[in-house]
């Protein structure tokens, strides 16, 4: 069994095809986000927010080309939760014509889940 199978199964990571993905992790959970990012298909799109204490915690992080990785530093007043909330406010607008969906996992969540604008 691969480590990626264990980690993704432990948080129930099963996005639908076409979902935008959102990952948010702090310090010790960055390895989980890294493992999930490694399992994403090349066509995946979305955002990953990674929070560390300071710039010394920033390192290389691989993700598909349409998944933007943003490092946040607590010593600069940056917060993964605030960044996730702001991104979701933009990506889940209320529209009468269609529903928007994001598949997400953040540090502190027991399992991944779909979020919709509905």
N, C-alpha and C. Protein backbone atom coordinates (compact mmCIF):
# COMPACT_ATOMS: atom_id res chain seq x y z
N UNK A 1 0.85 -1.19 0.00
CA UNK A 1 0.00 0.00 0.00
C UNK A 1 0.89 1.24 0.00
N UNK A 2 0.54 2.22 -0.83
CA UNK A 2 1.29 3.45 -0.92
C UNK A 2 0.88 4.42 0.18
N UNK A 3 1.83 5.26 0.59
CA UNK A 3 1.53 6.29 1.58
C UNK A 3 0.39 7.19 1.09
N UNK A 4 0.38 7.49 -0.21
CA UNK A 4 -0.68 8.34 -0.76
C UNK A 4 -2.05 7.70 -0.60
N UNK A 5 -2.14 6.38 -0.68
CA UNK A 5 -3.41 5.68 -0.47
C UNK A 5 -3.89 5.84 0.96
N UNK A 6 -2.98 5.73 1.91
CA UNK A 6 -3.33 5.83 3.33
C UNK A 6 -3.77 7.24 3.67
N UNK A 7 -2.97 8.25 3.28
CA UNK A 7 -3.30 9.62 3.64
C UNK A 7 -4.58 10.09 2.98
N UNK A 8 -4.72 9.86 1.67
CA UNK A 8 -5.92 10.34 1.01
C UNK A 8 -7.16 9.61 1.52
N UNK A 9 -7.03 8.32 1.84
CA UNK A 9 -8.17 7.57 2.38
C UNK A 9 -8.52 8.07 3.78
N UNK A 10 -7.52 8.45 4.57
CA UNK A 10 -7.79 8.87 5.95
C UNK A 10 -8.58 10.17 6.01
N UNK A 11 -8.51 10.98 4.96
CA UNK A 11 -9.31 12.21 4.94
C UNK A 11 -10.42 12.12 3.90
N UNK A 12 -10.62 10.95 3.32
CA UNK A 12 -11.67 10.69 2.33
C UNK A 12 -11.54 11.61 1.12
N UNK A 13 -10.38 11.66 0.52
CA UNK A 13 -10.13 12.56 -0.61
C UNK A 13 -10.64 11.92 -1.88
N UNK A 14 -11.80 12.36 -2.35
CA UNK A 14 -12.41 11.81 -3.55
C UNK A 14 -13.14 12.90 -4.33
N UNK A 15 -12.40 13.85 -4.92
CA UNK A 15 -13.10 14.90 -5.68
C UNK A 15 -13.72 14.34 -6.96
N UNK A 16 -14.77 14.98 -7.41
CA UNK A 16 -15.38 14.62 -8.69
C UNK A 16 -14.58 15.25 -9.82
N UNK A 17 -14.67 14.64 -10.99
CA UNK A 17 -14.00 15.21 -12.14
C UNK A 17 -14.58 16.60 -12.41
N UNK A 18 -13.74 17.56 -12.61
CA UNK A 18 -14.18 18.92 -12.87
C UNK A 18 -14.28 19.80 -11.65
N UNK A 19 -14.20 19.24 -10.44
CA UNK A 19 -14.21 20.06 -9.24
C UNK A 19 -12.94 20.90 -9.17
N UNK A 20 -13.07 22.13 -8.71
CA UNK A 20 -11.88 22.89 -8.31
C UNK A 20 -11.46 22.31 -6.97
N UNK A 21 -10.16 22.25 -6.73
CA UNK A 21 -9.69 21.71 -5.46
C UNK A 21 -9.10 22.81 -4.60
N UNK A 22 -9.22 22.63 -3.30
CA UNK A 22 -8.68 23.57 -2.33
C UNK A 22 -8.04 22.77 -1.21
N UNK A 23 -6.78 23.05 -0.95
CA UNK A 23 -6.08 22.45 0.18
C UNK A 23 -5.54 23.57 1.05
N UNK A 24 -5.66 23.42 2.34
CA UNK A 24 -5.09 24.38 3.28
C UNK A 24 -4.42 23.61 4.39
N UNK A 25 -3.15 23.89 4.63
CA UNK A 25 -2.42 23.14 5.65
C UNK A 25 -1.50 24.05 6.44
N UNK A 26 -1.32 23.71 7.70
CA UNK A 26 -0.36 24.38 8.55
C UNK A 26 0.72 23.38 8.93
N UNK A 27 1.92 23.88 9.10
CA UNK A 27 3.11 23.17 9.53
C UNK A 27 3.08 21.64 9.40
N UNK A 28 2.66 20.94 10.45
CA UNK A 28 2.73 19.48 10.48
C UNK A 28 1.84 18.80 9.44
N UNK A 29 0.81 19.48 8.95
CA UNK A 29 -0.10 18.89 7.97
C UNK A 29 0.32 19.15 6.52
N UNK A 30 1.41 19.87 6.32
CA UNK A 30 1.85 20.15 4.95
C UNK A 30 2.19 18.86 4.22
N UNK A 31 2.70 17.85 4.93
CA UNK A 31 2.99 16.55 4.29
C UNK A 31 1.72 15.92 3.73
N UNK A 32 0.59 16.09 4.39
CA UNK A 32 -0.68 15.56 3.89
C UNK A 32 -1.04 16.28 2.60
N UNK A 33 -0.97 17.60 2.60
CA UNK A 33 -1.28 18.38 1.40
C UNK A 33 -0.34 18.01 0.26
N UNK A 34 0.92 17.79 0.57
CA UNK A 34 1.90 17.42 -0.45
C UNK A 34 1.56 16.07 -1.08
N UNK A 35 1.14 15.13 -0.27
CA UNK A 35 0.77 13.81 -0.76
C UNK A 35 -0.47 13.89 -1.64
N UNK A 36 -1.46 14.67 -1.21
CA UNK A 36 -2.67 14.84 -2.01
C UNK A 36 -2.33 15.51 -3.34
N UNK A 37 -1.52 16.55 -3.30
CA UNK A 37 -1.14 17.26 -4.53
C UNK A 37 -0.46 16.32 -5.51
N UNK A 38 0.32 15.38 -5.00
CA UNK A 38 1.01 14.42 -5.87
C UNK A 38 0.04 13.47 -6.54
N UNK A 39 -1.15 13.30 -5.98
CA UNK A 39 -2.14 12.39 -6.57
C UNK A 39 -3.12 13.10 -7.51
N UNK A 40 -3.05 14.42 -7.58
CA UNK A 40 -3.98 15.16 -8.43
C UNK A 40 -3.67 14.92 -9.91
N UNK A 41 -4.69 14.84 -10.73
CA UNK A 41 -4.44 14.68 -12.18
C UNK A 41 -3.83 15.95 -12.76
N UNK A 42 -3.16 15.81 -13.88
CA UNK A 42 -2.50 16.95 -14.52
C UNK A 42 -3.48 18.06 -14.86
N UNK A 43 -4.75 17.72 -15.10
CA UNK A 43 -5.76 18.73 -15.46
C UNK A 43 -6.40 19.40 -14.24
N UNK A 44 -6.01 19.02 -13.05
CA UNK A 44 -6.61 19.59 -11.84
C UNK A 44 -6.42 21.10 -11.83
N UNK A 45 -7.40 21.78 -11.23
CA UNK A 45 -7.28 23.22 -11.05
C UNK A 45 -7.73 23.57 -9.64
N UNK A 46 -7.11 24.60 -9.08
CA UNK A 46 -7.48 25.01 -7.75
C UNK A 46 -6.38 25.77 -7.04
N UNK A 47 -6.39 25.67 -5.72
CA UNK A 47 -5.49 26.47 -4.90
C UNK A 47 -5.03 25.68 -3.69
N UNK A 48 -3.78 25.89 -3.30
CA UNK A 48 -3.22 25.28 -2.09
C UNK A 48 -2.61 26.40 -1.26
N UNK A 49 -3.05 26.53 -0.02
CA UNK A 49 -2.49 27.51 0.92
C UNK A 49 -1.72 26.76 2.00
N UNK A 50 -0.47 27.13 2.20
CA UNK A 50 0.40 26.47 3.17
C UNK A 50 0.91 27.51 4.16
N UNK A 51 0.62 27.30 5.44
CA UNK A 51 1.00 28.26 6.48
C UNK A 51 2.16 27.73 7.30
N UNK A 52 3.20 28.56 7.42
CA UNK A 52 4.38 28.23 8.22
C UNK A 52 4.69 29.40 9.15
N UNK A 53 5.56 29.16 10.11
CA UNK A 53 5.90 30.20 11.09
C UNK A 53 6.59 31.40 10.46
N UNK A 54 7.55 31.12 9.59
CA UNK A 54 8.29 32.20 8.93
C UNK A 54 8.85 31.68 7.60
N UNK A 55 9.54 32.53 6.88
CA UNK A 55 10.03 32.20 5.54
C UNK A 55 10.98 31.01 5.52
N UNK A 56 11.58 30.67 6.64
CA UNK A 56 12.49 29.51 6.65
C UNK A 56 11.75 28.20 6.43
N UNK A 57 10.43 28.19 6.61
CA UNK A 57 9.64 26.98 6.39
C UNK A 57 9.21 26.77 4.95
N UNK A 58 9.46 27.75 4.10
CA UNK A 58 9.06 27.65 2.69
C UNK A 58 10.05 26.75 1.95
N UNK A 59 9.50 25.84 1.14
CA UNK A 59 10.35 24.92 0.38
C UNK A 59 9.65 24.58 -0.93
N UNK A 60 10.30 23.79 -1.74
CA UNK A 60 9.69 23.35 -3.00
C UNK A 60 8.44 22.53 -2.70
N UNK A 61 7.41 22.73 -3.51
CA UNK A 61 6.14 22.02 -3.35
C UNK A 61 5.57 21.79 -4.73
N UNK A 62 5.47 20.54 -5.15
CA UNK A 62 5.01 20.21 -6.50
C UNK A 62 3.48 20.14 -6.55
N UNK A 63 2.93 20.72 -7.62
CA UNK A 63 1.48 20.67 -7.85
C UNK A 63 1.25 20.78 -9.36
N UNK A 64 0.10 20.29 -9.84
CA UNK A 64 -0.22 20.44 -11.26
C UNK A 64 -0.19 21.91 -11.68
N UNK A 65 0.02 22.16 -12.95
CA UNK A 65 0.20 23.51 -13.46
C UNK A 65 -0.94 24.47 -13.20
N UNK A 66 -2.18 23.99 -13.11
CA UNK A 66 -3.31 24.89 -12.88
C UNK A 66 -3.74 24.93 -11.42
N UNK A 67 -2.85 24.45 -10.54
CA UNK A 67 -3.09 24.54 -9.10
C UNK A 67 -2.03 25.49 -8.53
N UNK A 68 -2.48 26.61 -8.03
CA UNK A 68 -1.58 27.64 -7.51
C UNK A 68 -1.23 27.35 -6.05
N UNK A 69 0.05 27.35 -5.74
CA UNK A 69 0.52 27.12 -4.37
C UNK A 69 0.94 28.45 -3.76
N UNK A 70 0.38 28.78 -2.59
CA UNK A 70 0.71 30.03 -1.91
C UNK A 70 1.21 29.71 -0.50
N UNK A 71 2.41 30.19 -0.20
CA UNK A 71 2.98 30.04 1.14
C UNK A 71 2.61 31.27 1.96
N UNK A 72 2.18 31.05 3.19
CA UNK A 72 1.78 32.12 4.11
C UNK A 72 2.64 32.03 5.37
N UNK A 73 3.10 33.18 5.87
CA UNK A 73 3.97 33.21 7.05
C UNK A 73 3.27 33.90 8.21
N UNK A 74 3.13 33.18 9.33
CA UNK A 74 2.47 33.74 10.50
C UNK A 74 3.19 34.99 11.02
N UNK A 75 4.54 35.02 10.91
CA UNK A 75 5.26 36.18 11.43
C UNK A 75 4.99 37.44 10.61
N UNK A 76 4.34 37.30 9.48
CA UNK A 76 3.93 38.43 8.64
C UNK A 76 2.43 38.72 8.79
N UNK A 77 1.79 38.01 9.73
CA UNK A 77 0.37 38.21 9.97
C UNK A 77 -0.52 37.47 8.99
N UNK A 78 0.04 36.54 8.23
CA UNK A 78 -0.73 35.79 7.24
C UNK A 78 -1.32 34.54 7.88
N UNK A 79 -2.50 34.16 7.42
CA UNK A 79 -3.23 33.05 8.01
C UNK A 79 -3.85 32.17 6.93
N UNK A 80 -3.68 30.87 7.04
CA UNK A 80 -4.28 29.93 6.10
C UNK A 80 -5.80 30.05 6.15
N UNK A 81 -6.38 30.12 7.32
CA UNK A 81 -7.85 30.21 7.44
C UNK A 81 -8.39 31.46 6.76
N UNK A 82 -7.75 32.59 6.95
CA UNK A 82 -8.20 33.83 6.32
C UNK A 82 -8.07 33.73 4.79
N UNK A 83 -6.98 33.14 4.32
CA UNK A 83 -6.78 32.99 2.88
C UNK A 83 -7.81 32.04 2.28
N UNK A 84 -8.09 30.94 2.96
CA UNK A 84 -9.10 29.98 2.49
C UNK A 84 -10.47 30.65 2.43
N UNK A 85 -10.84 31.38 3.47
CA UNK A 85 -12.14 32.05 3.49
C UNK A 85 -12.27 33.05 2.35
N UNK A 86 -11.21 33.82 2.10
CA UNK A 86 -11.24 34.81 1.03
C UNK A 86 -11.35 34.13 -0.34
N UNK A 87 -10.60 33.06 -0.53
CA UNK A 87 -10.64 32.35 -1.81
C UNK A 87 -12.02 31.74 -2.05
N UNK A 88 -12.59 31.15 -1.01
CA UNK A 88 -13.92 30.55 -1.16
C UNK A 88 -14.98 31.61 -1.45
N UNK A 89 -14.86 32.78 -0.85
CA UNK A 89 -15.80 33.86 -1.13
C UNK A 89 -15.77 34.24 -2.60
N UNK A 90 -14.60 34.15 -3.21
CA UNK A 90 -14.48 34.47 -4.63
C UNK A 90 -14.92 33.31 -5.52
N UNK A 91 -14.59 32.09 -5.13
CA UNK A 91 -14.84 30.93 -5.99
C UNK A 91 -16.23 30.33 -5.85
N UNK A 92 -16.95 30.70 -4.81
CA UNK A 92 -18.31 30.17 -4.62
C UNK A 92 -19.34 31.30 -4.64
N UNK A 93 -19.37 32.07 -5.73
CA UNK A 93 -20.34 33.15 -5.80
C UNK A 93 -21.76 32.60 -5.94
N UNK A 94 -22.70 33.37 -5.49
CA UNK A 94 -24.11 32.99 -5.63
C UNK A 94 -24.57 33.47 -7.01
N UNK A 95 -24.93 32.54 -7.86
CA UNK A 95 -25.43 32.86 -9.19
C UNK A 95 -26.69 32.05 -9.45
N UNK A 96 -27.66 32.66 -10.05
CA UNK A 96 -28.90 31.97 -10.36
C UNK A 96 -28.70 30.95 -11.48
N UNK A 97 -27.76 31.22 -12.39
CA UNK A 97 -27.60 30.39 -13.58
C UNK A 97 -26.94 29.03 -13.31
N UNK A 98 -26.03 28.98 -12.35
CA UNK A 98 -25.33 27.70 -12.13
C UNK A 98 -24.77 27.61 -10.72
N UNK A 99 -24.49 26.39 -10.33
CA UNK A 99 -23.90 26.12 -9.03
C UNK A 99 -22.38 25.98 -9.19
N UNK A 100 -21.63 26.52 -8.28
CA UNK A 100 -20.19 26.35 -8.27
C UNK A 100 -19.84 25.32 -7.19
N UNK A 101 -18.79 24.51 -7.44
CA UNK A 101 -18.40 23.50 -6.46
C UNK A 101 -16.88 23.47 -6.32
N UNK A 102 -16.45 23.36 -5.07
CA UNK A 102 -15.03 23.22 -4.73
C UNK A 102 -14.91 22.01 -3.81
N UNK A 103 -13.91 21.19 -4.05
CA UNK A 103 -13.65 20.05 -3.18
C UNK A 103 -12.47 20.43 -2.30
N UNK A 104 -12.65 20.36 -0.98
CA UNK A 104 -11.67 20.96 -0.09
C UNK A 104 -11.29 20.09 1.10
N UNK A 105 -10.06 20.31 1.56
CA UNK A 105 -9.58 19.81 2.84
C UNK A 105 -8.64 20.85 3.42
N UNK A 106 -8.81 21.14 4.71
CA UNK A 106 -7.89 22.03 5.41
C UNK A 106 -7.49 21.41 6.74
N UNK A 107 -6.34 21.84 7.25
CA UNK A 107 -5.90 21.38 8.57
C UNK A 107 -7.02 21.59 9.57
N UNK A 108 -7.23 20.61 10.40
CA UNK A 108 -8.29 20.68 11.40
C UNK A 108 -9.56 19.97 10.96
N UNK A 109 -9.73 19.76 9.65
CA UNK A 109 -10.89 19.01 9.16
C UNK A 109 -10.58 17.52 9.26
N UNK A 110 -11.55 16.74 9.67
CA UNK A 110 -11.34 15.30 9.74
C UNK A 110 -11.41 14.66 8.38
N UNK A 111 -12.23 15.22 7.49
CA UNK A 111 -12.39 14.64 6.16
C UNK A 111 -12.55 15.74 5.13
N UNK A 112 -12.21 15.42 3.90
CA UNK A 112 -12.42 16.35 2.80
C UNK A 112 -13.90 16.38 2.46
N UNK A 113 -14.35 17.46 1.84
CA UNK A 113 -15.76 17.55 1.50
C UNK A 113 -15.98 18.55 0.36
N UNK A 114 -17.11 18.41 -0.28
CA UNK A 114 -17.49 19.32 -1.37
C UNK A 114 -18.20 20.52 -0.77
N UNK A 115 -17.85 21.70 -1.26
CA UNK A 115 -18.51 22.93 -0.87
C UNK A 115 -19.18 23.49 -2.11
N UNK A 116 -20.41 23.94 -1.98
CA UNK A 116 -21.11 24.48 -3.14
C UNK A 116 -21.64 25.87 -2.86
N UNK A 117 -21.97 26.58 -3.94
CA UNK A 117 -22.55 27.90 -3.81
C UNK A 117 -24.04 27.85 -3.59
N UNK A 118 -24.60 26.65 -3.64
CA UNK A 118 -26.04 26.48 -3.50
C UNK A 118 -26.48 26.63 -2.05
